[in-house]
PDB file of N, CA and C in Angstrom:
ATOM      1  N   MET A   1     -55.948-279.126 -99.633  1.00  0.00           N
ATOM      2  CA  MET A   1     -55.373-279.811-100.918  1.00  0.00           C
ATOM      3  C   MET A   1     -55.149-278.793-102.099  1.00  0.00           C
ATOM      4  N   LEU A   2     -55.768-277.593-102.195  1.00  0.00           N
ATOM      5  CA  LEU A   2     -55.519-276.636-103.310  1.00  0.00           C
ATOM      6  C   LEU A   2     -54.057-276.060-102.809  1.00  0.00           C
ATOM      7  N   SER A   3     -53.957-275.587-101.371  1.00  0.00           N
ATOM      8  CA  SER A   3     -52.721-275.286-101.083  1.00  0.00           C
ATOM      9  C   SER A   3     -51.595-276.026-101.147  1.00  0.00           C
ATOM     10  N   GLY A   4     -51.626-277.294-100.840  1.00  0.00           N
ATOM     11  CA  GLY A   4     -50.781-278.081-101.231  1.00  0.00           C
ATOM     12  C   GLY A   4     -50.165-278.475-102.527  1.00  0.00           C
ATOM     13  N   LEU A   5     -51.464-278.383-103.580  1.00  0.00           N
ATOM     14  CA  LEU A   5     -50.814-278.445-104.875  1.00  0.00           C
ATOM     15  C   LEU A   5     -50.267-277.451-105.390  1.00  0.00           C
ATOM     16  N   PHE A   6     -50.772-276.052-105.014  1.00  0.00           N
ATOM     17  CA  PHE A   6     -50.140-274.863-105.543  1.00  0.00           C
ATOM     18  C   PHE A   6     -48.681-274.872-104.751  1.00  0.00           C
ATOM     19  N   LEU A   7     -48.468-275.009-103.457  1.00  0.00           N
ATOM     20  CA  LEU A   7     -47.067-274.866-103.067  1.00  0.00           C
ATOM     21  C   LEU A   7     -46.000-276.095-103.550  1.00  0.00           C
ATOM     22  N   SER A   8     -46.657-277.325-104.069  1.00  0.00           N
ATOM     23  CA  SER A   8     -45.738-278.134-104.815  1.00  0.00           C
ATOM     24  C   SER A   8     -45.301-277.827-105.992  1.00  0.00           C
ATOM     25  N   ALA A   9     -46.413-277.141-106.927  1.00  0.00           N
ATOM     26  CA  ALA A   9     -46.243-276.447-107.990  1.00  0.00           C
ATOM     27  C   ALA A   9     -45.072-275.618-107.956  1.00  0.00           C
ATOM     28  N   LEU A  10     -45.239-274.644-107.034  1.00  0.00           N
ATOM     29  CA  LEU A  10     -44.154-273.613-106.810  1.00  0.00           C
ATOM     30  C   LEU A  10     -42.805-274.071-106.430  1.00  0.00           C
ATOM     31  N   ALA A  11     -42.794-274.934-105.757  1.00  0.00           N
ATOM     32  CA  ALA A  11     -41.579-275.640-105.235  1.00  0.00           C
ATOM     33  C   ALA A  11     -40.574-276.222-106.504  1.00  0.00           C
ATOM     34  N   LEU A  12     -41.661-276.789-107.296  1.00  0.00           N
ATOM     35  CA  LEU A  12     -41.047-277.428-108.614  1.00  0.00           C
ATOM     36  C   LEU A  12     -40.759-276.485-109.600  1.00  0.00           C
ATOM     37  N   SER A  13     -41.304-275.381-109.781  1.00  0.00           N
ATOM     38  CA  SER A  13     -41.040-274.279-110.382  1.00  0.00           C
ATOM     39  C   SER A  13     -39.643-273.562-110.017  1.00  0.00           C
ATOM     40  N   ALA A  14     -39.512-273.624-108.749  1.00  0.00           N
ATOM     41  CA  ALA A  14     -38.363-273.059-107.970  1.00  0.00           C
ATOM     42  C   ALA A  14     -37.031-274.127-108.386  1.00  0.00           C
ATOM     43  N   PHE A  15     -37.262-275.250-108.248  1.00  0.00           N
ATOM     44  CA  PHE A  15     -36.387-276.136-108.537  1.00  0.00           C
ATOM     45  C   PHE A  15     -35.762-276.418-109.957  1.00  0.00           C
ATOM     46  N   LEU A  16     -36.776-276.156-110.689  1.00  0.00           N
ATOM     47  CA  LEU A  16     -36.306-276.045-112.278  1.00  0.00           C
ATOM     48  C   LEU A  16     -35.970-274.891-112.849  1.00  0.00           C
ATOM     49  N   GLY A  17     -35.672-273.856-111.757  1.00  0.00           N
ATOM     50  CA  GLY A  17     -35.156-272.308-112.012  1.00  0.00           C
ATOM     51  C   GLY A  17     -36.002-271.500-112.592  1.00  0.00           C
ATOM     52  N   GLN A  18     -37.373-271.559-112.574  1.00  0.00           N
ATOM     53  CA  GLN A  18     -38.216-270.901-113.248  1.00  0.00           C
ATOM     54  C   GLN A  18     -38.680-269.323-112.758  1.00  0.00           C
ATOM     55  N   ILE A  19     -38.562-269.659-111.250  1.00  0.00           N
ATOM     56  CA  ILE A  19     -38.590-268.597-110.306  1.00  0.00           C
ATOM     57  C   ILE A  19     -37.470-268.943-109.321  1.00  0.00           C
ATOM     58  N   PRO A  20     -37.139-267.545-108.745  1.00  0.00           N
ATOM     59  CA  PRO A  20     -36.178-267.755-107.745  1.00  0.00           C
ATOM     60  C   PRO A  20     -36.559-268.461-106.264  1.00  0.00           C
ATOM     61  N   LEU A  21     -35.848-269.344-105.669  1.00  0.00           N
ATOM     62  CA  LEU A  21     -36.245-269.926-104.403  1.00  0.00           C
ATOM     63  C   LEU A  21     -36.744-269.138-103.610  1.00  0.00           C
ATOM     64  N   GLN A  22     -36.405-267.857-103.406  1.00  0.00           N
ATOM     65  CA  GLN A  22     -36.760-266.851-102.396  1.00  0.00           C
ATOM     66  C   GLN A  22     -38.365-266.664-102.409  1.00  0.00           C
ATOM     67  N   VAL A  23     -39.052-266.679-103.723  1.00  0.00           N
ATOM     68  CA  VAL A  23     -40.347-266.574-104.052  1.00  0.00           C
ATOM     69  C   VAL A  23     -40.977-267.893-103.428  1.00  0.00           C
ATOM     70  N   PHE A  24     -40.492-269.009-103.633  1.00  0.00           N
ATOM     71  CA  PHE A  24     -41.230-269.987-102.961  1.00  0.00           C
ATOM     72  C   PHE A  24     -41.048-269.984-101.364  1.00  0.00           C
ATOM     73  N   GLY A  25     -39.847-269.736-100.620  1.00  0.00           N
ATOM     74  CA  GLY A  25     -39.799-269.427 -99.485  1.00  0.00           C
ATOM     75  C   GLY A  25     -40.569-268.236 -98.871  1.00  0.00           C
ATOM     76  N   GLY A  26     -40.986-267.212 -99.435  1.00  0.00           N
ATOM     77  CA  GLY A  26     -41.844-266.000 -99.313  1.00  0.00           C
ATOM     78  C   GLY A  26     -43.213-266.593 -98.938  1.00  0.00           C
ATOM     79  N   TYR A  27     -43.621-267.596-100.054  1.00  0.00           N
ATOM     80  CA  TYR A  27     -44.973-268.149 -99.959  1.00  0.00           C
ATOM     81  C   TYR A  27     -45.105-268.977 -98.451  1.00  0.00           C
ATOM     82  N   LEU A  28     -44.154-269.545 -98.147  1.00  0.00           N
ATOM     83  CA  LEU A  28     -43.955-270.297 -96.863  1.00  0.00           C
ATOM     84  C   LEU A  28     -44.223-269.613 -95.846  1.00  0.00           C
ATOM     85  N   VAL A  29     -43.513-268.652 -95.807  1.00  0.00           N
ATOM     86  CA  VAL A  29     -43.291-267.674 -94.565  1.00  0.00           C
ATOM     87  C   VAL A  29     -44.689-266.934 -94.326  1.00  0.00           C
ATOM     88  N   LEU A  30     -45.109-266.217 -95.666  1.00  0.00           N
ATOM     89  CA  LEU A  30     -46.301-265.666 -95.609  1.00  0.00           C
ATOM     90  C   LEU A  30     -47.624-266.435 -95.187  1.00  0.00           C
ATOM     91  N   GLY A  31     -47.556-267.836 -95.696  1.00  0.00           N
ATOM     92  CA  GLY A  31     -48.492-268.779 -95.147  1.00  0.00           C
ATOM     93  C   GLY A  31     -48.389-269.078 -93.680  1.00  0.00           C
ATOM     94  N   VAL A  32     -47.414-269.285 -92.911  1.00  0.00           N
ATOM     95  CA  VAL A  32     -47.440-269.227 -91.668  1.00  0.00           C
ATOM     96  C   VAL A  32     -47.754-268.144 -90.970  1.00  0.00           C
ATOM     97  N   ILE A  33     -47.562-266.953 -91.530  1.00  0.00           N
ATOM     98  CA  ILE A  33     -48.058-265.741 -90.725  1.00  0.00           C
ATOM     99  C   ILE A  33     -49.325-265.544 -90.896  1.00  0.00           C
ATOM    100  N   THR A  34     -50.066-265.804 -92.129  1.00  0.00           N
ATOM    101  CA  THR A  34     -51.462-265.666 -92.326  1.00  0.00           C
ATOM    102  C   THR A  34     -52.122-266.750 -91.579  1.00  0.00           C
ATOM    103  N   PHE A  35     -51.831-268.111 -91.426  1.00  0.00           N
ATOM    104  CA  PHE A  35     -52.307-269.036 -90.745  1.00  0.00           C
ATOM    105  C   PHE A  35     -52.373-268.637 -89.301  1.00  0.00           C
ATOM    106  N   SER A  36     -51.078-267.947 -88.714  1.00  0.00           N
ATOM    107  CA  SER A  36     -51.220-267.427 -87.401  1.00  0.00           C
ATOM    108  C   SER A  36     -52.117-266.440 -87.208  1.00  0.00           C
ATOM    109  N   ALA A  37     -52.079-265.605 -88.076  1.00  0.00           N
ATOM    110  CA  ALA A  37     -53.135-264.421 -87.932  1.00  0.00           C
ATOM    111  C   ALA A  37     -54.619-264.892 -87.776  1.00  0.00           C
ATOM    112  N   TYR A  38     -55.184-265.630 -88.698  1.00  0.00           N
ATOM    113  CA  TYR A  38     -56.524-266.446 -88.595  1.00  0.00           C
ATOM    114  C   TYR A  38     -56.529-266.972 -87.127  1.00  0.00           C
ATOM    115  N   GLY A  39     -55.491-267.951 -86.737  1.00  0.00           N
ATOM    116  CA  GLY A  39     -55.475-268.312 -85.558  1.00  0.00           C
ATOM    117  C   GLY A  39     -55.718-267.367 -84.331  1.00  0.00           C
ATOM    118  N   LEU A  40     -54.830-266.555 -84.180  1.00  0.00           N
ATOM    119  CA  LEU A  40     -54.783-265.332 -83.422  1.00  0.00           C
ATOM    120  C   LEU A  40     -56.630-264.457 -83.509  1.00  0.00           C
ATOM    121  N   ASP A  41     -57.029-264.602 -84.461  1.00  0.00           N
ATOM    122  CA  ASP A  41     -58.221-263.729 -84.648  1.00  0.00           C
ATOM    123  C   ASP A  41     -59.426-264.648 -84.382  1.00  0.00           C
ATOM    124  N   LYS A  42     -59.378-265.883 -84.461  1.00  0.00           N
ATOM    125  CA  LYS A  42     -60.319-266.788 -83.992  1.00  0.00           C
ATOM    126  C   LYS A  42     -60.086-266.787 -82.371  1.00  0.00           C
ATOM    127  N   ARG A  43     -59.146-266.752 -81.785  1.00  0.00           N
ATOM    128  CA  ARG A  43     -59.066-266.922 -80.246  1.00  0.00           C
ATOM    129  C   ARG A  43     -59.320-265.559 -80.111  1.00  0.00           C
ATOM    130  N   ALA A  44     -59.191-264.497 -80.526  1.00  0.00           N
ATOM    131  CA  ALA A  44     -59.835-263.060 -80.206  1.00  0.00           C
ATOM    132  C   ALA A  44     -61.218-263.247 -80.005  1.00  0.00           C
ATOM    133  N   ALA A  45     -61.891-263.713 -81.265  1.00  0.00           N
ATOM    134  CA  ALA A  45     -63.167-263.800 -81.236  1.00  0.00           C
ATOM    135  C   ALA A  45     -64.035-264.398 -80.322  1.00  0.00           C
ATOM    136  N   ARG A  46     -63.437-265.536 -79.714  1.00  0.00           N
ATOM    137  CA  ARG A  46     -63.861-266.249 -78.700  1.00  0.00           C
ATOM    138  C   ARG A  46     -63.989-265.768 -77.364  1.00  0.00           C
ATOM    139  N   ARG A  47     -62.877-264.806 -77.355  1.00  0.00           N
ATOM    140  CA  ARG A  47     -62.934-264.277 -76.024  1.00  0.00           C
ATOM    141  C   ARG A  47     -63.259-262.998 -75.597  1.00  0.00           C
ATOM    142  N   GLY A  48     -63.889-262.594 -77.035  1.00  0.00           N
ATOM    143  CA  GLY A  48     -64.438-261.168 -77.155  1.00  0.00           C
ATOM    144  C   GLY A  48     -63.351-260.001 -77.049  1.00  0.00           C
ATOM    145  N   LYS A  49     -62.303-260.191 -77.536  1.00  0.00           N
ATOM    146  CA  LYS A  49     -61.110-259.193 -77.524  1.00  0.00           C
ATOM    147  C   LYS A  49     -61.211-258.522 -79.098  1.00  0.00           C
ATOM    148  N   TRP A  50     -59.858-257.678 -79.148  1.00  0.00           N
ATOM    149  CA  TRP A  50     -59.641-256.919 -80.169  1.00  0.00           C
ATOM    150  C   TRP A  50     -59.376-258.044 -81.514  1.00  0.00           C
ATOM    151  N   ARG A  51     -60.062-257.507 -82.448  1.00  0.00           N
ATOM    152  CA  ARG A  51     -59.893-258.492 -83.754  1.00  0.00           C
ATOM    153  C   ARG A  51     -59.018-258.102 -84.749  1.00  0.00           C
ATOM    154  N   THR A  52     -58.466-259.009 -85.492  1.00  0.00           N
ATOM    155  CA  THR A  52     -57.727-258.362 -86.899  1.00  0.00           C
ATOM    156  C   THR A  52     -58.657-258.173 -87.947  1.00  0.00           C
ATOM    157  N   ARG A  53     -58.555-256.979 -88.555  1.00  0.00           N
ATOM    158  CA  ARG A  53     -59.353-256.397 -89.532  1.00  0.00           C
ATOM    159  C   ARG A  53     -59.391-257.334 -90.575  1.00  0.00           C
ATOM    160  N   GLU A  54     -60.462-257.603 -91.310  1.00  0.00           N
ATOM    161  CA  GLU A  54     -60.663-258.398 -92.362  1.00  0.00           C
ATOM    162  C   GLU A  54     -59.692-257.948 -93.533  1.00  0.00           C
ATOM    163  N   SER A  55     -59.543-256.403 -93.744  1.00  0.00           N
ATOM    164  CA  SER A  55     -58.579-256.038 -94.732  1.00  0.00           C
ATOM    165  C   SER A  55     -57.114-256.673 -94.670  1.00  0.00           C
ATOM    166  N   THR A  56     -56.773-256.605 -93.455  1.00  0.00           N
ATOM    167  CA  THR A  56     -55.555-257.417 -93.052  1.00  0.00           C
ATOM    168  C   THR A  56     -55.366-258.463 -93.373  1.00  0.00           C
ATOM    169  N   LEU A  57     -56.439-259.478 -93.023  1.00  0.00           N
ATOM    170  CA  LEU A  57     -56.306-260.793 -93.490  1.00  0.00           C
ATOM    171  C   LEU A  57     -56.129-260.892 -95.232  1.00  0.00           C
ATOM    172  N   HIS A  58     -57.072-259.984 -95.758  1.00  0.00           N
ATOM    173  CA  HIS A  58     -57.196-260.096 -97.494  1.00  0.00           C
ATOM    174  C   HIS A  58     -55.838-259.502 -97.768  1.00  0.00           C
ATOM    175  N   LEU A  59     -55.174-258.660 -97.297  1.00  0.00           N
ATOM    176  CA  LEU A  59     -53.777-258.205 -97.672  1.00  0.00           C
ATOM    177  C   LEU A  59     -52.776-259.204 -97.595  1.00  0.00           C
ATOM    178  N   LEU A  60     -52.789-260.038 -96.459  1.00  0.00           N
ATOM    179  CA  LEU A  60     -51.852-261.201 -96.218  1.00  0.00           C
ATOM    180  C   LEU A  60     -52.183-262.372 -97.412  1.00  0.00           C
ATOM    181  N   ALA A  61     -53.336-262.531 -97.769  1.00  0.00           N
ATOM    182  CA  ALA A  61     -53.863-263.320 -98.756  1.00  0.00           C
ATOM    183  C   ALA A  61     -53.116-262.911-100.108  1.00  0.00           C
ATOM    184  N   LEU A  62     -53.568-261.577-100.225  1.00  0.00           N
ATOM    185  CA  LEU A  62     -53.162-261.113-101.564  1.00  0.00           C
ATOM    186  C   LEU A  62     -51.673-261.257-101.639  1.00  0.00           C
ATOM    187  N   LEU A  63     -50.849-260.939-100.814  1.00  0.00           N
ATOM    188  CA  LEU A  63     -49.602-260.859-100.798  1.00  0.00           C
ATOM    189  C   LEU A  63     -48.911-262.355-101.001  1.00  0.00           C
ATOM    190  N   GLY A  64     -49.574-263.488-100.805  1.00  0.00           N
ATOM    191  CA  GLY A  64     -49.141-264.733-101.081  1.00  0.00           C
ATOM    192  C   GLY A  64     -49.072-265.589 -99.678  1.00  0.00           C
ATOM    193  N   GLY A  65     -49.981-265.017 -98.894  1.00  0.00           N
ATOM    194  CA  GLY A  65     -50.337-265.953 -97.643  1.00  0.00           C
ATOM    195  C   GLY A  65     -51.503-266.745 -97.918  1.00  0.00           C
ATOM    196  N   TRP A  66     -52.285-266.520 -98.821  1.00  0.00           N
ATOM    197  CA  TRP A  66     -53.674-267.345 -99.315  1.00  0.00           C
ATOM    198  C   TRP A  66     -53.404-268.896 -98.973  1.00  0.00           C
ATOM    199  N   PRO A  67     -52.456-269.605 -99.369  1.00  0.00           N
ATOM    200  CA  PRO A  67     -52.281-271.041 -98.929  1.00  0.00           C
ATOM    201  C   PRO A  67     -52.566-271.163 -97.330  1.00  0.00           C
ATOM    202  N   GLY A  68     -51.879-270.447 -96.577  1.00  0.00           N
ATOM    203  CA  GLY A  68     -52.198-270.367 -95.029  1.00  0.00           C
ATOM    204  C   GLY A  68     -53.499-270.148 -94.797  1.00  0.00           C
ATOM    205  N   ALA A  69     -53.933-269.125 -95.290  1.00  0.00           N
ATOM    206  CA  ALA A  69     -55.336-268.655 -95.012  1.00  0.00           C
ATOM    207  C   ALA A  69     -56.507-269.668 -95.254  1.00  0.00           C
ATOM    208  N   LEU A  70     -56.220-270.546 -96.603  1.00  0.00           N
ATOM    209  CA  LEU A  70     -57.165-271.450 -96.758  1.00  0.00           C
ATOM    210  C   LEU A  70     -56.996-272.689 -95.763  1.00  0.00           C
ATOM    211  N   VAL A  71     -55.806-273.052 -95.551  1.00  0.00           N
ATOM    212  CA  VAL A  71     -55.815-274.107 -94.410  1.00  0.00           C
ATOM    213  C   VAL A  71     -56.266-273.729 -93.158  1.00  0.00           C
ATOM    214  N   ALA A  72     -56.192-272.386 -92.846  1.00  0.00           N
ATOM    215  CA  ALA A  72     -56.914-272.123 -91.508  1.00  0.00           C
ATOM    216  C   ALA A  72     -58.181-271.958 -91.646  1.00  0.00           C
ATOM    217  N   GLN A  73     -59.000-271.445 -92.903  1.00  0.00           N
ATOM    218  CA  GLN A  73     -60.271-271.365 -92.996  1.00  0.00           C
ATOM    219  C   GLN A  73     -60.930-272.885 -92.956  1.00  0.00           C
ATOM    220  N   GLN A  74     -60.221-274.011 -93.279  1.00  0.00           N
ATOM    221  CA  GLN A  74     -60.650-275.357 -93.187  1.00  0.00           C
ATOM    222  C   GLN A  74     -60.331-275.879 -91.894  1.00  0.00           C
ATOM    223  N   THR A  75     -59.226-275.765 -91.395  1.00  0.00           N
ATOM    224  CA  THR A  75     -58.846-276.465 -90.096  1.00  0.00           C
ATOM    225  C   THR A  75     -59.450-275.898 -88.769  1.00  0.00           C
ATOM    226  N   LEU A  76     -59.368-274.581 -88.854  1.00  0.00           N
ATOM    227  CA  LEU A  76     -59.868-273.968 -87.468  1.00  0.00           C
ATOM    228  C   LEU A  76     -61.418-273.263 -87.821  1.00  0.00           C
ATOM    229  N   ARG A  77     -61.765-273.636 -88.880  1.00  0.00           N
ATOM    230  CA  ARG A  77     -63.091-273.323 -89.234  1.00  0.00           C
ATOM    231  C   ARG A  77     -63.250-271.510 -88.873  1.00  0.00           C
ATOM    232  N   HIS A  78     -62.440-270.746 -89.564  1.00  0.00           N
ATOM    233  CA  HIS A  78     -62.667-269.449 -89.115  1.00  0.00           C
ATOM    234  C   HIS A  78     -62.653-268.715 -90.483  1.00  0.00           C
ATOM    235  N   LYS A  79     -63.428-267.640 -90.648  1.00  0.00           N
ATOM    236  CA  LYS A  79     -63.972-267.149 -91.753  1.00  0.00           C
ATOM    237  C   LYS A  79     -64.168-267.955 -93.021  1.00  0.00           C
ATOM    238  N   SER A  80     -64.910-269.194 -92.537  1.00  0.00           N
ATOM    239  CA  SER A  80     -65.225-269.879 -93.572  1.00  0.00           C
ATOM    240  C   SER A  80     -66.511-269.859 -93.931  1.00  0.00           C
ATOM    241  N   SER A  81     -67.480-269.259 -93.198  1.00  0.00           N
ATOM    242  CA  SER A  81     -68.854-269.195 -93.710  1.00  0.00           C
ATOM    243  C   SER A  81     -69.385-267.817 -94.240  1.00  0.00           C
ATOM    244  N   LYS A  82     -68.728-266.712 -93.834  1.00  0.00           N
ATOM    245  CA  LYS A  82     -69.058-265.407 -94.060  1.00  0.00           C
ATOM    246  C   LYS A  82     -68.958-265.119 -95.625  1.00  0.00           C
ATOM    247  N   HIS A  83     -69.983-265.108 -96.524  1.00  0.00           N
ATOM    248  CA  HIS A  83     -69.861-264.950 -97.885  1.00  0.00           C
ATOM    249  C   HIS A  83     -69.222-263.813 -98.457  1.00  0.00           C
ATOM    250  N   SER A  84     -69.478-262.701 -97.726  1.00  0.00           N
ATOM    251  CA  SER A  84     -68.837-261.573 -98.391  1.00  0.00           C
ATOM    252  C   SER A  84     -67.063-261.613 -98.154  1.00  0.00           C
ATOM    253  N   PHE A  85     -66.896-262.173 -96.927  1.00  0.00           N
ATOM    254  CA  PHE A  85     -65.391-262.392 -96.780  1.00  0.00           C
ATOM    255  C   PHE A  85     -64.820-263.489 -97.854  1.00  0.00           C
ATOM    256  N   ARG A  86     -65.493-264.627 -98.122  1.00  0.00           N
ATOM    257  CA  ARG A  86     -65.119-265.413 -98.961  1.00  0.00           C
ATOM    258  C   ARG A  86     -64.949-264.940-100.267  1.00  0.00           C
ATOM    259  N   LEU A  87     -65.960-264.118-100.677  1.00  0.00           N
ATOM    260  CA  LEU A  87     -65.870-263.633-101.960  1.00  0.00           C
ATOM    261  C   LEU A  87     -64.489-262.737-102.392  1.00  0.00           C
ATOM    262  N   VAL A  88     -64.354-261.883-101.164  1.00  0.00           N
ATOM    263  CA  VAL A  88     -63.093-261.051-101.405  1.00  0.00           C
ATOM    264  C   VAL A  88     -61.803-261.991-101.238  1.00  0.00           C
ATOM    265  N   PHE A  89     -62.026-263.052-100.415  1.00  0.00           N
ATOM    266  CA  PHE A  89     -60.854-263.789-100.176  1.00  0.00           C
ATOM    267  C   PHE A  89     -60.643-264.384-101.857  1.00  0.00           C
ATOM    268  N   TRP A  90     -61.302-265.195-102.445  1.00  0.00           N
ATOM    269  CA  TRP A  90     -61.265-265.812-103.697  1.00  0.00           C
ATOM    270  C   TRP A  90     -60.525-264.765-104.533  1.00  0.00           C
ATOM    271  N   ILE A  91     -61.126-263.410-104.742  1.00  0.00           N
ATOM    272  CA  ILE A  91     -60.646-262.672-105.755  1.00  0.00           C
ATOM    273  C   ILE A  91     -59.128-262.476-105.416  1.00  0.00           C
ATOM    274  N   THR A  92     -58.600-262.405-104.113  1.00  0.00           N
ATOM    275  CA  THR A  92     -57.324-262.322-103.735  1.00  0.00           C
ATOM    276  C   THR A  92     -56.475-263.236-104.253  1.00  0.00           C
ATOM    277  N   VAL A  93     -57.081-264.588-104.211  1.00  0.00           N
ATOM    278  CA  VAL A  93     -56.442-265.704-104.531  1.00  0.00           C
ATOM    279  C   VAL A  93     -56.008-265.795-105.986  1.00  0.00           C
ATOM    280  N   ILE A  94     -56.981-265.456-106.842  1.00  0.00           N
ATOM    281  CA  ILE A  94     -57.086-265.240-108.360  1.00  0.00           C
ATOM    282  C   ILE A  94     -56.135-264.195-108.775  1.00  0.00           C
ATOM    283  N   LEU A  95     -56.135-263.089-107.966  1.00  0.00           N
ATOM    284  CA  LEU A  95     -55.043-261.864-108.287  1.00  0.00           C
ATOM    285  C   LEU A  95     -53.557-262.341-108.141  1.00  0.00           C
ATOM    286  N   ASN A  96     -53.560-263.050-106.898  1.00  0.00           N
ATOM    287  CA  ASN A  96     -52.208-263.534-106.661  1.00  0.00           C
ATOM    288  C   ASN A  96     -51.796-264.874-107.524  1.00  0.00           C
ATOM    289  N   LEU A  97     -52.606-265.669-107.921  1.00  0.00           N
ATOM    290  CA  LEU A  97     -52.424-266.728-109.086  1.00  0.00           C
ATOM    291  C   LEU A  97     -51.862-265.890-110.284  1.00  0.00           C
ATOM    292  N   ALA A  98     -52.694-264.832-110.619  1.00  0.00           N
ATOM    293  CA  ALA A  98     -52.349-264.107-111.873  1.00  0.00           C
ATOM    294  C   ALA A  98     -50.824-263.528-112.132  1.00  0.00           C
ATOM    295  N   ILE A  99     -50.465-263.087-110.526  1.00  0.00           N
ATOM    296  CA  ILE A  99     -49.219-262.610-110.560  1.00  0.00           C
ATOM    297  C   ILE A  99     -48.010-263.780-110.588  1.00  0.00           C
ATOM    298  N   VAL A 100     -48.408-264.808-110.117  1.00  0.00           N
ATOM    299  CA  VAL A 100     -47.624-265.972-110.093  1.00  0.00           C
ATOM    300  C   VAL A 100     -47.538-266.617-111.498  1.00  0.00           C
ATOM    301  N   LEU A 101     -48.475-266.506-112.263  1.00  0.00           N
ATOM    302  CA  LEU A 101     -48.437-266.643-113.649  1.00  0.00           C
ATOM    303  C   LEU A 101     -47.505-265.813-114.460  1.00  0.00           C
ATOM    304  N   TRP A 102     -47.466-264.485-114.084  1.00  0.00           N
ATOM    305  CA  TRP A 102     -46.971-263.501-114.816  1.00  0.00           C
ATOM    306  C   TRP A 102     -45.380-263.694-114.594  1.00  0.00           C
ATOM    307  N   PHE A 103     -45.031-264.125-113.121  1.00  0.00           N
ATOM    308  CA  PHE A 103     -43.718-264.314-112.870  1.00  0.00           C
ATOM    309  C   PHE A 103     -43.088-265.595-113.819  1.00  0.00           C
ATOM    310  N   HIS A 104     -43.689-266.256-114.474  1.00  0.00           N
ATOM    311  CA  HIS A 104     -43.348-267.297-115.643  1.00  0.00           C
ATOM    312  C   HIS A 104     -43.340-266.734-117.036  1.00  0.00           C
ATOM    313  N   THR A 105     -43.652-265.498-117.179  1.00  0.00           N
ATOM    314  CA  THR A 105     -43.345-264.891-118.587  1.00  0.00           C
ATOM    315  C   THR A 105     -42.082-264.248-118.451  1.00  0.00           C
ATOM    316  N   ALA A 106     -41.604-263.899-119.767  1.00  0.00           N
ATOM    317  CA  ALA A 106     -40.249-263.461-120.104  1.00  0.00           C
ATOM    318  C   ALA A 106     -40.058-262.185-119.186  1.00  0.00           C
ATOM    319  N   GLU A 107     -41.184-261.295-119.097  1.00  0.00           N
ATOM    320  CA  GLU A 107     -41.273-260.136-118.548  1.00  0.00           C
ATOM    321  C   GLU A 107     -41.283-260.388-116.985  1.00  0.00           C
ATOM    322  N   GLY A 108     -41.874-261.235-116.639  1.00  0.00           N
ATOM    323  CA  GLY A 108     -42.047-261.319-115.024  1.00  0.00           C
ATOM    324  C   GLY A 108     -40.550-261.951-114.603  1.00  0.00           C
ATOM    325  N   ARG A 109     -39.979-262.792-115.442  1.00  0.00           N
ATOM    326  CA  ARG A 109     -38.647-263.224-115.106  1.00  0.00           C
ATOM    327  C   ARG A 109     -37.445-262.089-115.024  1.00  0.00           C
ATOM    328  N   ARG A 110     -37.753-261.360-115.915  1.00  0.00           N
ATOM    329  CA  ARG A 110     -36.862-260.068-115.711  1.00  0.00           C
ATOM    330  C   ARG A 110     -37.022-259.306-114.498  1.00  0.00           C
ATOM    331  N   TYR A 111     -38.206-259.286-114.183  1.00  0.00           N
ATOM    332  CA  TYR A 111     -38.544-258.461-112.869  1.00  0.00           C
ATOM    333  C   TYR A 111     -38.224-259.033-111.728  1.00  0.00           C
ATOM    334  N   LEU A 112     -38.498-260.432-111.736  1.00  0.00           N
ATOM    335  CA  LEU A 112     -37.725-261.158-110.562  1.00  0.00           C
ATOM    336  C   LEU A 112     -36.341-261.115-110.466  1.00  0.00           C
ATOM    337  N   GLU A 113     -35.663-261.229-111.511  1.00  0.00           N
ATOM    338  CA  GLU A 113     -34.153-261.007-111.609  1.00  0.00           C
ATOM    339  C   GLU A 113     -33.758-259.957-111.304  1.00  0.00           C
ATOM    340  N   SER A 114     -34.460-258.716-111.552  1.00  0.00           N
ATOM    341  CA  SER A 114     -34.050-257.263-110.964  1.00  0.00           C
ATOM    342  C   SER A 114     -33.983-257.243-109.458  1.00  0.00           C
ATOM    343  N   VAL A 115     -35.004-257.863-108.978  1.00  0.00           N
ATOM    344  CA  VAL A 115     -35.458-257.912-107.453  1.00  0.00           C
ATOM    345  C   VAL A 115     -34.213-258.979-106.585  1.00  0.00           C
ATOM    346  N   PHE A 116     -34.108-260.055-107.262  1.00  0.00           N
ATOM    347  CA  PHE A 116     -33.401-261.176-106.625  1.00  0.00           C
ATOM    348  C   PHE A 116     -31.808-261.379-107.152  1.00  0.00           C
ATOM    349  N   GLY A 117     -31.822-260.690-108.333  1.00  0.00           N
ATOM    350  CA  GLY A 117     -30.319-260.814-108.870  1.00  0.00           C
ATOM    351  C   GLY A 117     -30.110-262.065-109.420  1.00  0.00           C
TER     352      GLY A 117
END
């Protein structure tokens, strides 16, 4: 629910020209990549194989993949009960949301314009 709400708000923001469409697209791509990383890690855990580092999962979430991570935690039931992991995860979500809010300031828009033209 939170993931869908966030992505809907981001899509609206892109539609209204407040952020570049590439930012919204980046969130979609990173969300799919992050969901896939969680799925692969869950599969590896079940098979006793090499696991994805938690720091990698957190980095993906911080970079914008947190909506996919949240969906994976809920649907795959992976990394959803380890308290220390969840704490760091929610910190990455808060940091990412702060960055998105900054994108909506005049300074943030200038930065995005310099990156995306």
